[in-house]
Amino acid sequence: MNGQTATLTPARRAADTTPAHAPDRPRPAPEAAAPAPLPSEQLLQGRKTIEISHNGTLYRLQATRLGKLILTK
């Protein structure tokens, strides 16, 4: 600043102390906790390949010999 002190008017002081969520507005829902990761073994159940239907499209999830996963459409 330029060395001058700013004075707050009563309206400005009230605005600075107003809570972010006024009582007449609904509070946003708390963020849902992320679900726990699903182990690939639970999906594959001993198989090397499974088919997954998602939004009407069929996908194939395949485990490679090197332990990687490939998802193809």
C-alpha atoms as a PDB file:
ATOM      1  CA  MET A   1       0.000   0.000   0.000  1.00  0.00           C
ATOM      2  CA  ASN A   2       0.961   3.641   0.009  1.00  0.00           C
ATOM      3  CA  GLY A   3       1.302   4.035   3.780  1.00  0.00           C
ATOM      4  CA  GLN A   4      -2.346   4.850   4.396  1.00  0.00           C
ATOM      5  CA  THR A   5      -4.446   2.647   6.622  1.00  0.00           C
ATOM      6  CA  ALA A   6      -7.739   1.462   5.241  1.00  0.00           C
ATOM      7  CA  THR A   7     -10.837   1.821   7.383  1.00  0.00           C
ATOM      8  CA  LEU A   8     -13.713  -0.572   7.038  1.00  0.00           C
ATOM      9  CA  THR A   9     -17.255   0.675   6.889  1.00  0.00           C
ATOM     10  CA  PRO A  10     -19.866  -1.255   8.932  1.00  0.00           C
ATOM     11  CA  ALA A  11     -21.213  -2.815   5.730  1.00  0.00           C
ATOM     12  CA  ARG A  12     -17.712  -3.892   4.698  1.00  0.00           C
ATOM     13  CA  ARG A  13     -17.007  -5.398   8.147  1.00  0.00           C
ATOM     14  CA  ALA A  14     -20.247  -7.414   7.944  1.00  0.00           C
ATOM     15  CA  ALA A  15     -19.341  -8.663   4.467  1.00  0.00           C
ATOM     16  CA  ASP A  16     -15.948  -9.836   5.716  1.00  0.00           C
ATOM     17  CA  THR A  17     -17.516 -11.911   8.494  1.00  0.00           C
ATOM     18  CA  THR A  18     -20.425 -13.422   6.552  1.00  0.00           C
ATOM     19  CA  PRO A  19     -20.092 -17.222   6.431  1.00  0.00           C
ATOM     20  CA  ALA A  20     -19.444 -18.744   3.019  1.00  0.00           C
ATOM     21  CA  HIS A  21     -22.705 -20.719   3.241  1.00  0.00           C
ATOM     22  CA  ALA A  22     -25.631 -18.547   4.200  1.00  0.00           C
ATOM     23  CA  PRO A  23     -28.320 -20.331   6.271  1.00  0.00           C
ATOM     24  CA  ASP A  24     -30.894 -19.999   3.470  1.00  0.00           C
ATOM     25  CA  ARG A  25     -28.689 -21.954   1.018  1.00  0.00           C
ATOM     26  CA  PRO A  26     -28.240 -25.732   1.208  1.00  0.00           C
ATOM     27  CA  ARG A  27     -24.721 -26.859   2.037  1.00  0.00           C
ATOM     28  CA  PRO A  28     -22.938 -28.867  -0.637  1.00  0.00           C
ATOM     29  CA  ALA A  29     -22.822 -32.603   0.006  1.00  0.00           C
ATOM     30  CA  PRO A  30     -19.555 -33.802   1.505  1.00  0.00           C
ATOM     31  CA  GLU A  31     -17.300 -35.532  -0.981  1.00  0.00           C
ATOM     32  CA  ALA A  32     -17.861 -39.264  -0.972  1.00  0.00           C
ATOM     33  CA  ALA A  33     -14.882 -41.302   0.082  1.00  0.00           C
ATOM     34  CA  ALA A  34     -13.271 -43.194  -2.775  1.00  0.00           C
ATOM     35  CA  PRO A  35     -14.160 -46.882  -2.710  1.00  0.00           C
ATOM     36  CA  ALA A  36     -11.429 -49.344  -1.823  1.00  0.00           C
ATOM     37  CA  PRO A  37      -9.523 -50.732  -4.817  1.00  0.00           C
ATOM     38  CA  LEU A  38     -10.846 -54.027  -6.145  1.00  0.00           C
ATOM     39  CA  PRO A  39      -8.090 -56.653  -6.494  1.00  0.00           C
ATOM     40  CA  SER A  40      -7.735 -57.976 -10.041  1.00  0.00           C
ATOM     41  CA  GLU A  41      -7.825 -61.509  -8.629  1.00  0.00           C
ATOM     42  CA  GLN A  42     -11.378 -60.857  -7.479  1.00  0.00           C
ATOM     43  CA  LEU A  43     -12.381 -59.858 -11.014  1.00  0.00           C
ATOM     44  CA  LEU A  44     -10.478 -62.561 -12.867  1.00  0.00           C
ATOM     45  CA  GLN A  45     -11.134 -65.398 -10.363  1.00  0.00           C
ATOM     46  CA  GLY A  46      -8.263 -67.518 -11.689  1.00  0.00           C
ATOM     47  CA  ARG A  47      -9.006 -66.868 -15.365  1.00  0.00           C
ATOM     48  CA  LYS A  48      -6.720 -65.055 -17.793  1.00  0.00           C
ATOM     49  CA  THR A  49      -9.544 -63.266 -19.637  1.00  0.00           C
ATOM     50  CA  ILE A  50     -12.985 -61.963 -18.683  1.00  0.00           C
ATOM     51  CA  GLU A  51     -15.617 -60.059 -20.623  1.00  0.00           C
ATOM     52  CA  ILE A  52     -17.128 -56.895 -19.154  1.00  0.00           C
ATOM     53  CA  SER A  53     -20.329 -55.285 -20.413  1.00  0.00           C
ATOM     54  CA  HIS A  54     -20.311 -51.500 -19.911  1.00  0.00           C
ATOM     55  CA  ASN A  55     -22.999 -49.145 -21.283  1.00  0.00           C
ATOM     56  CA  GLY A  56     -24.004 -51.686 -23.901  1.00  0.00           C
ATOM     57  CA  THR A  57     -20.447 -52.284 -25.128  1.00  0.00           C
ATOM     58  CA  LEU A  58     -18.486 -55.475 -24.562  1.00  0.00           C
ATOM     59  CA  TYR A  59     -14.879 -55.185 -23.318  1.00  0.00           C
ATOM     60  CA  ARG A  60     -12.263 -57.863 -22.668  1.00  0.00           C
ATOM     61  CA  LEU A  61      -9.925 -57.669 -19.661  1.00  0.00           C
ATOM     62  CA  GLN A  62      -6.889 -59.888 -20.130  1.00  0.00           C
ATOM     63  CA  ALA A  63      -3.959 -60.663 -17.815  1.00  0.00           C
ATOM     64  CA  THR A  64      -0.626 -61.104 -19.605  1.00  0.00           C
ATOM     65  CA  ARG A  65       2.152 -63.533 -18.729  1.00  0.00           C
ATOM     66  CA  LEU A  66       4.125 -60.576 -17.349  1.00  0.00           C
ATOM     67  CA  GLY A  67       1.316 -59.708 -14.909  1.00  0.00           C
ATOM     68  CA  LYS A  68      -0.005 -56.689 -16.791  1.00  0.00           C
ATOM     69  CA  LEU A  69      -3.653 -56.018 -17.647  1.00  0.00           C
ATOM     70  CA  ILE A  70      -5.000 -55.200 -21.097  1.00  0.00           C
ATOM     71  CA  LEU A  71      -8.505 -53.834 -21.628  1.00  0.00           C
ATOM     72  CA  THR A  72      -9.770 -54.031 -25.216  1.00  0.00           C
ATOM     73  CA  LYS A  73     -13.038 -53.112 -26.854  1.00  0.00           C
END
